[in-house]
Protein backbone atom coordinates (compact mmCIF):
# COMPACT_ATOMS: atom_id res chain seq x y z
CA UNK A 1 -0.07 -0.05 -0.14
CA UNK A 2 1.40 3.19 -1.07
CA UNK A 3 0.78 5.77 1.76
CA UNK A 4 0.51 9.48 0.71
CA UNK A 5 -0.37 12.83 2.72
CA UNK A 6 -3.48 13.09 0.49
CA UNK A 7 -4.66 9.65 1.85
CA UNK A 8 -3.54 10.45 5.69
CA UNK A 9 -5.43 13.33 5.34
CA UNK A 10 -8.48 11.81 3.47
CA UNK A 11 -8.33 8.86 6.85
CA UNK A 12 -7.98 12.38 9.19
CA UNK A 13 -11.51 13.76 7.56
CA UNK A 14 -13.20 10.67 7.96
CA UNK A 15 -12.31 10.13 11.65
CA UNK A 16 -13.55 13.32 12.57
CA UNK A 17 -16.59 13.39 10.44
CA UNK A 18 -17.91 10.24 12.56
CA UNK A 19 -16.64 11.90 15.36
CA UNK A 20 -18.75 15.03 14.96
CA UNK A 21 -21.91 13.08 14.46
CA UNK A 22 -21.51 11.60 17.44
CA UNK A 23 -19.74 14.18 19.94
CA UNK A 24 -21.96 17.63 20.21
CA UNK A 25 -19.66 19.18 21.91
CA UNK A 26 -17.11 18.99 19.71
CA UNK A 27 -15.30 22.95 18.96
CA UNK A 28 -12.75 22.12 16.22
CA UNK A 29 -10.21 20.19 15.13
CA UNK A 30 -7.07 20.31 13.35
CA UNK A 31 -3.94 18.68 12.04
CA UNK A 32 -0.74 18.94 13.53
CA UNK A 33 3.04 17.43 13.59
CA UNK A 34 4.13 15.22 9.89
CA UNK A 35 1.54 15.13 8.31
CA UNK A 36 0.30 19.17 8.32
CA UNK A 37 4.27 19.81 7.44
CA UNK A 38 3.96 17.39 4.09
CA UNK A 39 6.88 15.14 5.53
CA UNK A 40 4.98 12.30 7.29
CA UNK A 41 6.64 9.18 6.46
CA UNK A 42 9.73 7.73 8.16
CA UNK A 43 10.86 4.08 7.46
CA UNK A 44 7.27 3.59 5.82
CA UNK A 45 5.33 4.49 8.85
CA UNK A 46 3.81 7.60 10.45
CA UNK A 47 0.65 8.87 12.42
CA UNK A 48 -1.51 11.75 11.96
CA UNK A 49 -1.61 14.36 14.42
CA UNK A 50 -4.63 15.12 15.80
CA UNK A 51 -5.99 17.88 18.31
CA UNK A 52 -9.69 18.28 19.66
CA UNK A 53 -11.18 20.75 21.25
CA UNK A 54 -14.02 20.13 23.58
CA UNK A 55 -16.74 22.21 24.82
CA UNK A 56 -16.82 20.37 27.82
CA UNK A 57 -13.87 18.42 29.63
CA UNK A 58 -12.24 15.70 27.61
CA UNK A 59 -12.28 12.57 29.74
CA UNK A 60 -8.82 11.82 28.78
CA UNK A 61 -6.08 13.83 27.46
CA UNK A 62 -4.61 12.14 25.20
CA UNK A 63 -5.27 8.70 23.22
CA UNK A 64 -3.52 6.43 20.05
CA UNK A 65 -5.79 4.29 17.61
CA UNK A 66 -4.98 2.38 15.17
CA UNK A 67 -5.79 2.62 11.39
CA UNK A 68 -2.98 0.22 10.08
CA UNK A 69 0.04 -1.55 11.20
CA UNK A 70 2.01 1.59 9.62
CA UNK A 71 -0.52 4.41 10.24
CA UNK A 72 -1.95 5.47 13.51
CA UNK A 73 -4.21 8.14 14.71
CA UNK A 74 -2.27 10.29 17.84
CA UNK A 75 -5.43 12.27 19.59
CA UNK A 76 -4.64 15.24 22.20
CA UNK A 77 -7.65 16.62 23.69
CA UNK A 78 -8.37 19.96 24.64
CA UNK A 79 -10.68 22.02 26.83
CA UNK A 80 -11.95 24.67 24.71
CA UNK A 81 -10.51 27.39 27.92
CA UNK A 82 -6.81 26.34 26.44
CA UNK A 83 -7.12 29.05 24.26
CA UNK A 84 -8.88 31.87 26.26
CA UNK A 85 -5.24 33.59 26.00
CA UNK A 86 -4.57 32.87 22.12
CA UNK A 87 -1.77 35.61 21.44
CA UNK A 88 0.20 33.23 23.67
CA UNK A 89 0.14 30.66 21.17
CA UNK A 90 2.42 32.85 19.59
CA UNK A 91 5.30 31.56 21.83
CA UNK A 92 3.48 27.92 21.78
CA UNK A 93 7.16 25.63 20.62
CA UNK A 94 4.63 23.12 19.18
CA UNK A 95 0.81 23.72 18.34
CA UNK A 96 1.72 27.64 17.34
CA UNK A 97 3.11 26.51 14.28
CA UNK A 98 -0.30 24.38 13.58
CA UNK A 99 -2.23 27.37 13.91
CA UNK A 100 -0.79 29.17 11.20
CA UNK A 101 -1.62 26.92 8.83
CA UNK A 102 -5.65 27.27 7.34
CA UNK A 103 -5.30 23.89 5.79
CA UNK A 104 -4.76 22.02 8.87
CA UNK A 105 -8.62 22.96 10.55
CA UNK A 106 -10.80 19.81 9.58
CA UNK A 107 -13.41 20.87 11.92
CA UNK A 108 -14.99 24.55 13.23
CA UNK A 109 -17.69 25.34 14.53
CA UNK A 110 -18.75 29.23 13.77
CA UNK A 111 -15.47 29.74 12.52
CA UNK A 112 -14.26 30.00 16.50
CA UNK A 113 -10.61 28.93 15.08
CA UNK A 114 -9.95 30.64 12.41
CA UNK A 115 -10.12 33.67 14.37
CA UNK A 116 -7.99 32.00 16.63
CA UNK A 117 -5.68 31.44 13.79
CA UNK A 118 -5.65 34.95 12.93
CA UNK A 119 -4.55 35.67 16.02
CA UNK A 120 -1.73 33.91 16.58
CA UNK A 121 -0.34 34.01 12.79
CA UNK A 122 -0.04 38.28 13.88
CA UNK A 123 3.32 38.30 14.28
CA UNK A 124 4.07 35.07 14.94
CA UNK A 125 7.47 35.01 13.10
CA UNK A 126 8.87 38.36 14.95
CA UNK A 127 11.92 38.42 16.72
CA UNK A 128 10.82 38.80 19.83
CA UNK A 129 8.16 35.38 19.48
CA UNK A 130 10.93 33.56 17.82
CA UNK A 131 13.08 34.24 20.58
CA UNK A 132 9.93 33.30 23.23
CA UNK A 133 9.61 30.36 21.99
CA UNK A 134 13.25 29.08 22.04
CA UNK A 135 14.14 30.83 25.43
CA UNK A 136 11.60 29.01 27.82
CA UNK A 137 13.48 26.15 26.30
CA UNK A 138 17.18 27.36 27.22
CA UNK A 139 16.12 28.94 30.60
CA UNK A 140 14.49 25.55 31.43
CA UNK A 141 17.47 23.60 30.54
CA UNK A 142 19.10 25.47 32.53
CA UNK A 143 16.55 24.73 35.65
CA UNK A 144 17.24 21.37 35.23
CA UNK A 145 21.04 21.67 34.97
CA UNK A 146 21.22 23.16 38.41
CA UNK A 147 18.68 20.07 39.29
CA UNK A 148 21.22 17.59 38.36
CA UNK A 149 23.96 19.67 40.01
CA UNK A 150 22.22 19.49 43.01
CA UNK A 151 24.45 17.79 46.44
CA UNK A 152 21.56 15.66 47.39
CA UNK A 153 21.75 12.01 46.81
CA UNK A 154 19.61 11.28 43.93
CA UNK A 155 19.51 7.29 42.23
CA UNK A 156 21.10 7.17 39.25
CA UNK A 157 18.39 5.49 36.68
CA UNK A 158 16.49 9.42 38.00
CA UNK A 159 19.51 11.27 38.19
CA UNK A 160 20.49 10.16 34.04
CA UNK A 161 16.62 10.23 33.20
CA UNK A 162 16.85 13.96 34.10
CA UNK A 163 20.23 14.68 31.98
CA UNK A 164 18.76 13.04 28.98
CA UNK A 165 15.58 15.95 29.60
CA UNK A 166 17.87 18.47 30.17
CA UNK A 167 20.12 17.41 26.70
CA UNK A 168 16.55 17.42 24.73
CA UNK A 169 15.72 20.73 26.73
CA UNK A 170 18.78 22.29 25.72
CA UNK A 171 18.80 20.88 21.72
CA UNK A 172 15.77 22.52 21.35
CA UNK A 173 16.56 25.91 22.89
CA UNK A 174 18.16 26.44 19.54
CA UNK A 175 16.14 24.45 17.19
CA UNK A 176 13.47 26.60 18.10
CA UNK A 177 14.87 29.76 16.44
CA UNK A 178 13.95 28.37 12.80
CA UNK A 179 11.58 25.70 13.53
CA UNK A 180 8.72 24.36 16.07
CA UNK A 181 10.14 21.90 18.76
CA UNK A 182 11.79 18.48 17.43
CA UNK A 183 9.67 15.33 18.04
CA UNK A 184 11.09 12.36 19.64
CA UNK A 185 11.12 10.54 15.79
CA UNK A 186 13.30 13.27 13.89
CA UNK A 187 15.25 14.37 16.59
CA UNK A 188 18.33 14.28 15.58
CA UNK A 189 17.83 14.73 11.68
CA UNK A 190 16.13 17.62 12.30
CA UNK A 191 18.53 19.23 14.82
CA UNK A 192 21.19 18.49 11.74
CA UNK A 193 19.06 20.46 9.17
CA UNK A 194 18.60 23.56 11.76
CA UNK A 195 21.39 23.94 12.70
CA UNK A 196 23.00 24.00 9.55
CA UNK A 197 20.74 26.81 8.76
CA UNK A 198 22.03 28.50 11.75
CA UNK A 199 25.52 27.95 10.42
CA UNK A 200 26.18 26.11 13.44
CA UNK A 201 26.67 22.13 12.52
CA UNK A 202 29.15 21.46 14.97
CA UNK A 203 26.75 21.65 17.33
CA UNK A 204 25.58 18.74 16.12
CA UNK A 205 28.76 16.34 17.07
CA UNK A 206 28.15 18.36 20.98
CA UNK A 207 24.83 16.83 21.40
CA UNK A 208 26.13 12.98 19.42
CA UNK A 209 28.68 13.47 22.33
CA UNK A 210 26.32 14.60 24.78
CA UNK A 211 24.00 11.42 24.22
CA UNK A 212 27.15 8.76 24.20
CA UNK A 213 26.92 8.36 19.87
CA UNK A 214 30.88 8.06 19.88
CA UNK A 215 29.98 4.52 21.83
CA UNK A 216 27.05 3.69 19.00
CA UNK A 217 28.33 1.17 16.41
CA UNK A 218 26.32 -1.49 14.24
CA UNK A 219 27.11 -3.83 16.33
CA UNK A 220 26.16 -2.83 19.72
CA UNK A 221 22.64 -1.37 17.49
CA UNK A 222 22.37 -4.95 16.26
CA UNK A 223 23.14 -6.34 19.64
CA UNK A 224 20.29 -3.98 21.56
CA UNK A 225 17.80 -3.30 19.47
CA UNK A 226 16.20 -7.01 20.09
CA UNK A 227 15.94 -5.74 23.87
CA UNK A 228 15.16 -2.08 23.46
CA UNK A 229 12.10 -3.51 21.18
CA UNK A 230 11.05 -6.36 24.07
CA UNK A 231 11.29 -4.23 26.45
CA UNK A 232 8.34 -1.64 24.48
CA UNK A 233 5.86 -4.86 24.33
CA UNK A 234 6.68 -5.48 28.01
CA UNK A 235 5.12 -2.03 28.76
CA UNK A 236 2.29 -2.65 26.60
CA UNK A 237 1.08 -5.83 28.74
CA UNK A 238 1.06 -3.57 31.82
CA UNK A 239 -1.99 -1.09 31.93
CA UNK A 240 -0.18 1.88 33.15
CA UNK A 241 1.47 1.52 30.00
CA UNK A 242 2.17 5.25 28.24
CA UNK A 243 0.11 5.94 24.90
CA UNK A 244 3.20 7.43 22.84
CA UNK A 245 4.38 4.00 23.38
CA UNK A 246 1.54 1.99 21.93
CA UNK A 247 1.39 -1.54 20.65
CA UNK A 248 -0.72 0.71 17.83
CA UNK A 249 2.20 2.37 17.59
CA UNK A 250 4.74 -0.49 17.22
CA UNK A 251 5.92 0.27 13.41
CA UNK A 252 5.94 3.96 14.27
CA UNK A 253 9.32 3.68 16.38
CA UNK A 254 10.27 0.31 14.99
CA UNK A 255 9.98 0.56 11.05
CA UNK A 256 12.03 4.42 11.75
CA UNK A 257 14.44 3.39 13.56
CA UNK A 258 15.75 0.15 11.52
CA UNK A 259 14.95 2.43 8.47
CA UNK A 260 17.47 5.22 10.05
CA UNK A 261 19.97 2.20 10.84
CA UNK A 262 19.56 1.35 7.50
CA UNK A 263 20.18 4.67 5.68
CA UNK A 264 23.50 5.08 7.45
CA UNK A 265 22.26 7.65 10.00
CA UNK A 266 22.88 5.28 13.05
CA UNK A 267 23.40 8.32 14.67
CA UNK A 268 19.91 9.70 14.51
CA UNK A 269 18.51 6.28 16.22
CA UNK A 270 20.01 7.04 19.65
CA UNK A 271 17.25 9.52 20.74
CA UNK A 272 13.91 7.49 19.79
CA UNK A 273 15.45 4.63 21.39
CA UNK A 274 16.78 6.05 24.45
CA UNK A 275 13.13 8.31 25.03
CA UNK A 276 10.93 5.33 24.58
CA UNK A 277 13.01 2.82 26.53
CA UNK A 278 12.68 5.56 29.67
CA UNK A 279 9.12 5.62 28.78
CA UNK A 280 8.33 1.99 28.90
CA UNK A 281 10.60 1.77 32.33
CA UNK A 282 8.07 4.00 33.74
CA UNK A 283 5.12 1.32 34.16
CA UNK A 284 7.46 -1.55 34.28
CA UNK A 285 8.51 -2.77 38.13
CA UNK A 286 10.60 -5.88 37.02
CA UNK A 287 14.00 -4.79 38.03
CA UNK A 288 15.60 -7.68 34.99
CA UNK A 289 14.34 -4.64 33.09
CA UNK A 290 15.73 -1.66 34.97
CA UNK A 291 19.42 -3.23 35.12
CA UNK A 292 19.02 -4.23 31.01
CA UNK A 293 18.81 -0.61 31.02
CA UNK A 294 21.78 0.27 32.78
CA UNK A 295 23.64 -1.67 30.85
CA UNK A 296 23.20 -0.34 27.65
CA UNK A 297 23.99 2.97 28.95
CA UNK A 298 27.25 1.33 30.36
CA UNK A 299 28.02 0.44 26.85
CA UNK A 300 26.93 4.11 25.50
CA UNK A 301 29.72 5.36 28.33
CA UNK A 302 27.00 6.22 31.15
CA UNK A 303 28.52 5.27 34.44
CA UNK A 304 27.96 6.74 37.82
CA UNK A 305 31.35 8.14 38.19
CA UNK A 306 30.94 9.74 35.44
CA UNK A 307 28.50 11.81 36.78
CA UNK A 308 30.39 15.24 37.02
CA UNK A 309 31.78 14.97 33.53
CA UNK A 310 28.06 15.06 32.03
CA UNK A 311 27.63 18.11 34.27
CA UNK A 312 30.74 20.43 32.27
CA UNK A 313 29.67 19.06 28.90
CA UNK A 314 26.05 19.48 29.05
CA UNK A 315 26.91 23.13 30.58
CA UNK A 316 29.08 24.17 27.96
CA UNK A 317 26.05 22.90 25.25
CA UNK A 318 24.04 24.92 27.67
CA UNK A 319 26.16 27.96 27.45
CA UNK A 320 26.11 27.41 23.30
CA UNK A 321 22.50 27.85 23.12
CA UNK A 322 22.36 31.08 25.41
CA UNK A 323 25.22 33.02 23.96
CA UNK A 324 23.24 32.27 20.39
CA UNK A 325 20.47 33.34 21.64
CA UNK A 326 22.36 36.50 23.27
CA UNK A 327 23.45 37.07 20.25
CA UNK A 328 19.98 36.78 18.27
CA UNK A 329 18.56 39.27 21.13
CA UNK A 330 21.01 41.44 20.36
CA UNK A 331 20.81 41.72 16.16
CA UNK A 332 16.97 42.53 17.04
CA UNK A 333 17.24 44.81 19.81
CA UNK A 334 15.41 42.92 21.79
């Protein structure tokens, strides 16, 4: 089956049409993510990101629905009040971009969303709003770094989880100067493009070292890929499995990671593996799986006695992002 953007949009429209007939409090529905951006496929799989806006409180915040093995619907639910202060969405690094595109609207009762879009689109790409979207990540990354530096004794697994969050946040501080926040699957691929556009490509090398990529090779990937897959499958047997790694999204991550590995983009597989592996462990109590995760980290060069070194290199990476933002602010007299 050949998957095209047109097919994906039709799937989304058909699903929305069925829901509109049943859910009378549905105010608006719009597309976000890769389908709306025109590059949905990675490894022959994709998801269709949708946001449903309701008058009443939605029963869940997010759900993932299967369409085919390669396609899923990833639906986020908002209460209408989320859009009360709609001008603030100009600095939202995720949905702000989606709200600019009028073709993303799939349902709009009484043209309510069109009004929101008009407000968000106004000055969306002004220097102060671009800076605002990036600065929130820089500020958060620095706060996360302070938490990592705290001398209190923190279990290694919790510490390294926060470390990876801080790395991702710091990367977004740079990436959001010329685009939306980075997504899990395309994290390294898009960061490459964003830094190249900023003429800061050496930052990619800094990021790969922060993620232990110098220790990732074909042999390591071949050994640990099945362990990662098995961990995700185990998480799906638990009641608290996060929707992001639901079994209906199996192809979404597996096929994309395998495709990147086969296309000599091995450096790009590390982020989706790390992110989803950690998410899986949040609902798995079996210590065997937690130990396997620690073993994988050790293969990548992450050891408890390297905390100070990791903090130094992360501090330098955050510093670079802060300097880039300072240059941007000075350039536009913000």
